[in-house]
N, C-alpha and C. Protein backbone atom coordinates (compact mmCIF):
# COMPACT_ATOMS: atom_id res chain seq x y z
N MET A 1 97.58 92.74 108.96
CA MET A 1 96.40 92.17 108.37
C MET A 1 95.88 93.15 107.30
N PRO A 2 95.57 92.65 106.12
CA PRO A 2 95.06 93.54 105.08
C PRO A 2 93.64 94.01 105.39
N ARG A 3 93.34 95.20 104.90
CA ARG A 3 91.98 95.74 105.03
C ARG A 3 91.28 95.59 103.69
N TYR A 4 89.98 95.36 103.74
CA TYR A 4 89.20 95.18 102.53
C TYR A 4 88.07 96.21 102.48
N MET A 5 88.03 96.98 101.40
CA MET A 5 86.96 97.94 101.18
C MET A 5 85.78 97.22 100.54
N LEU A 6 84.62 97.32 101.15
CA LEU A 6 83.44 96.64 100.65
C LEU A 6 82.61 97.54 99.74
N ASP A 7 82.15 96.97 98.65
CA ASP A 7 81.23 97.65 97.76
C ASP A 7 79.80 97.29 98.19
N THR A 8 78.84 98.07 97.80
CA THR A 8 77.46 97.81 98.22
C THR A 8 76.93 96.46 97.75
N ASN A 9 77.48 95.94 96.66
CA ASN A 9 76.99 94.64 96.20
C ASN A 9 77.27 93.54 97.21
N VAL A 10 78.30 93.68 98.02
CA VAL A 10 78.61 92.67 99.04
C VAL A 10 77.47 92.58 100.05
N PHE A 11 76.97 93.71 100.49
CA PHE A 11 75.87 93.72 101.47
C PHE A 11 74.61 93.10 100.87
N ASN A 12 74.36 93.40 99.60
CA ASN A 12 73.22 92.78 98.91
C ASN A 12 73.40 91.27 98.77
N HIS A 13 74.63 90.84 98.47
CA HIS A 13 74.89 89.40 98.34
C HIS A 13 74.70 88.68 99.67
N VAL A 14 75.10 89.31 100.76
CA VAL A 14 74.89 88.71 102.09
C VAL A 14 73.39 88.58 102.34
N LEU A 15 72.65 89.64 102.09
CA LEU A 15 71.20 89.62 102.33
C LEU A 15 70.51 88.58 101.45
N ASP A 16 70.97 88.42 100.22
CA ASP A 16 70.35 87.47 99.29
C ASP A 16 70.85 86.04 99.46
N GLY A 17 71.77 85.82 100.42
CA GLY A 17 72.26 84.47 100.68
C GLY A 17 73.33 83.99 99.73
N LYS A 18 73.86 84.88 98.91
CA LYS A 18 74.92 84.50 97.96
C LYS A 18 76.29 84.46 98.64
N VAL A 19 76.44 85.23 99.72
CA VAL A 19 77.67 85.24 100.51
C VAL A 19 77.28 84.99 101.96
N ASN A 20 77.94 84.03 102.59
CA ASN A 20 77.69 83.73 104.00
C ASN A 20 78.39 84.78 104.86
N ILE A 21 77.65 85.45 105.71
CA ILE A 21 78.21 86.51 106.54
C ILE A 21 79.35 86.00 107.42
N ASP A 22 79.30 84.73 107.79
CA ASP A 22 80.36 84.15 108.63
C ASP A 22 81.72 84.18 107.95
N THR A 23 81.75 84.13 106.61
CA THR A 23 83.03 84.17 105.90
C THR A 23 83.67 85.55 105.96
N LEU A 24 82.88 86.55 106.30
CA LEU A 24 83.40 87.92 106.37
C LEU A 24 83.72 88.36 107.80
N GLN A 25 83.12 87.69 108.78
CA GLN A 25 83.35 88.03 110.18
C GLN A 25 84.83 87.84 110.53
N GLY A 26 85.36 88.74 111.32
CA GLY A 26 86.75 88.63 111.76
C GLY A 26 87.76 89.22 110.79
N LYS A 27 87.30 89.63 109.62
CA LYS A 27 88.19 90.27 108.65
C LYS A 27 88.22 91.77 108.94
N ASP A 28 89.27 92.42 108.52
CA ASP A 28 89.38 93.87 108.70
C ASP A 28 88.68 94.55 107.52
N LEU A 29 87.39 94.80 107.69
CA LEU A 29 86.56 95.33 106.61
C LEU A 29 86.31 96.81 106.84
N VAL A 30 86.21 97.54 105.76
CA VAL A 30 85.97 98.97 105.86
C VAL A 30 85.01 99.40 104.77
N ALA A 31 84.26 100.42 105.07
CA ALA A 31 83.37 101.05 104.10
C ALA A 31 83.34 102.54 104.43
N THR A 32 82.73 103.30 103.57
CA THR A 32 82.64 104.75 103.79
C THR A 32 81.17 105.15 103.84
N HIS A 33 80.97 106.42 104.05
CA HIS A 33 79.60 106.94 104.03
C HIS A 33 78.97 106.75 102.65
N VAL A 34 79.79 106.62 101.62
CA VAL A 34 79.26 106.44 100.26
C VAL A 34 78.46 105.14 100.18
N GLN A 35 79.04 104.04 100.67
CA GLN A 35 78.32 102.77 100.66
C GLN A 35 77.07 102.85 101.54
N ARG A 36 77.21 103.46 102.71
CA ARG A 36 76.05 103.58 103.61
C ARG A 36 74.95 104.40 102.95
N ASP A 37 75.33 105.50 102.32
CA ASP A 37 74.34 106.34 101.64
C ASP A 37 73.64 105.59 100.51
N GLU A 38 74.39 104.79 99.76
CA GLU A 38 73.79 104.00 98.68
C GLU A 38 72.77 103.01 99.24
N LEU A 39 73.14 102.35 100.34
CA LEU A 39 72.20 101.41 100.97
C LEU A 39 70.98 102.14 101.51
N ALA A 40 71.19 103.33 102.07
CA ALA A 40 70.09 104.11 102.63
C ALA A 40 69.13 104.60 101.56
N ASN A 41 69.56 104.60 100.31
CA ASN A 41 68.69 105.01 99.21
C ASN A 41 67.84 103.87 98.66
N THR A 42 67.94 102.69 99.27
CA THR A 42 67.13 101.55 98.85
C THR A 42 65.65 101.89 99.05
N LYS A 43 64.87 101.68 98.03
CA LYS A 43 63.44 102.06 98.07
C LYS A 43 62.61 101.18 99.00
N ASP A 44 62.85 99.88 98.96
CA ASP A 44 62.10 98.92 99.79
C ASP A 44 62.56 99.10 101.24
N GLU A 45 61.65 99.57 102.10
CA GLU A 45 62.01 99.89 103.48
C GLU A 45 62.52 98.69 104.28
N ALA A 46 61.91 97.53 104.10
CA ALA A 46 62.35 96.34 104.83
C ALA A 46 63.75 95.92 104.37
N ARG A 47 63.98 95.97 103.06
CA ARG A 47 65.31 95.61 102.53
C ARG A 47 66.35 96.63 103.00
N LYS A 48 65.99 97.91 102.98
CA LYS A 48 66.91 98.95 103.45
C LYS A 48 67.33 98.69 104.89
N ALA A 49 66.36 98.40 105.75
CA ALA A 49 66.66 98.14 107.16
C ALA A 49 67.59 96.94 107.30
N ALA A 50 67.33 95.89 106.54
CA ALA A 50 68.18 94.69 106.61
C ALA A 50 69.59 94.98 106.10
N LEU A 51 69.70 95.74 105.02
CA LEU A 51 71.02 96.09 104.47
C LEU A 51 71.82 96.94 105.45
N LEU A 52 71.16 97.91 106.06
CA LEU A 52 71.86 98.78 107.02
C LEU A 52 72.27 98.01 108.27
N LYS A 53 71.48 97.03 108.66
CA LYS A 53 71.86 96.17 109.80
C LYS A 53 73.12 95.39 109.46
N ILE A 54 73.17 94.80 108.28
CA ILE A 54 74.35 94.06 107.83
C ILE A 54 75.55 95.00 107.76
N PHE A 55 75.34 96.19 107.23
CA PHE A 55 76.40 97.19 107.14
C PHE A 55 77.00 97.45 108.53
N GLY A 56 76.14 97.66 109.51
CA GLY A 56 76.60 97.91 110.88
C GLY A 56 77.33 96.74 111.49
N GLU A 57 76.91 95.53 111.17
CA GLU A 57 77.56 94.33 111.71
C GLU A 57 78.94 94.11 111.09
N LEU A 58 79.06 94.38 109.81
CA LEU A 58 80.31 94.09 109.11
C LEU A 58 81.33 95.22 109.16
N THR A 59 80.87 96.45 109.20
CA THR A 59 81.79 97.58 109.11
C THR A 59 81.56 98.57 110.24
N PRO A 60 81.96 98.21 111.46
CA PRO A 60 81.77 99.14 112.57
C PRO A 60 82.62 100.40 112.41
N ASP A 61 83.74 100.29 111.67
CA ASP A 61 84.59 101.45 111.41
C ASP A 61 84.37 101.92 109.98
N GLN A 62 84.12 103.19 109.85
CA GLN A 62 83.94 103.76 108.52
C GLN A 62 85.15 104.62 108.19
N ALA A 63 85.67 104.43 106.98
CA ALA A 63 86.79 105.25 106.52
C ALA A 63 86.26 106.64 106.18
N ILE A 64 87.06 107.62 106.49
CA ILE A 64 86.69 108.99 106.19
C ILE A 64 87.15 109.30 104.77
N THR A 65 86.28 109.91 104.01
CA THR A 65 86.64 110.28 102.64
C THR A 65 87.03 111.75 102.63
N SER A 66 87.86 112.09 101.69
CA SER A 66 88.23 113.49 101.53
C SER A 66 87.68 113.98 100.21
N SER A 67 87.55 115.27 100.11
CA SER A 67 87.04 115.83 98.86
C SER A 67 87.72 117.17 98.60
N ALA A 68 87.63 117.58 97.37
CA ALA A 68 88.18 118.87 96.97
C ALA A 68 87.24 119.48 95.94
N VAL A 69 87.23 120.79 95.92
CA VAL A 69 86.43 121.50 94.94
C VAL A 69 87.35 122.41 94.16
N ALA A 70 87.33 122.27 92.85
CA ALA A 70 88.14 123.12 92.00
C ALA A 70 87.24 124.15 91.34
N SER A 71 87.76 125.32 91.17
CA SER A 71 87.00 126.38 90.54
C SER A 71 87.65 126.76 89.22
N VAL A 72 86.82 126.96 88.22
CA VAL A 72 87.31 127.42 86.93
C VAL A 72 86.77 128.82 86.72
N VAL A 73 87.66 129.75 86.54
CA VAL A 73 87.26 131.14 86.38
C VAL A 73 87.54 131.57 84.95
N SER A 74 86.55 132.12 84.31
CA SER A 74 86.71 132.62 82.95
C SER A 74 87.25 134.04 83.00
N LYS A 75 88.22 134.32 82.15
CA LYS A 75 88.80 135.66 82.12
C LYS A 75 88.20 136.49 80.99
N ASN A 76 87.05 136.11 80.49
CA ASN A 76 86.41 136.87 79.39
C ASN A 76 85.77 138.12 79.89
């Protein structure tokens, strides 16, 4: 079964009634802390709570992201 990475606009579309949550249920959906962090930065507290609730319902599994830091050293 294919996995689908969700962007934050999907959660907003569900909340706004543009996407029916039932069409997403049962699919192998994934998100990362990046999407959750973006939703958590929503200024409107009621909307934030609703978005995070939808996030939890649709993406119980979060993909782990990796990162790297490169250093540039000047030889001057």
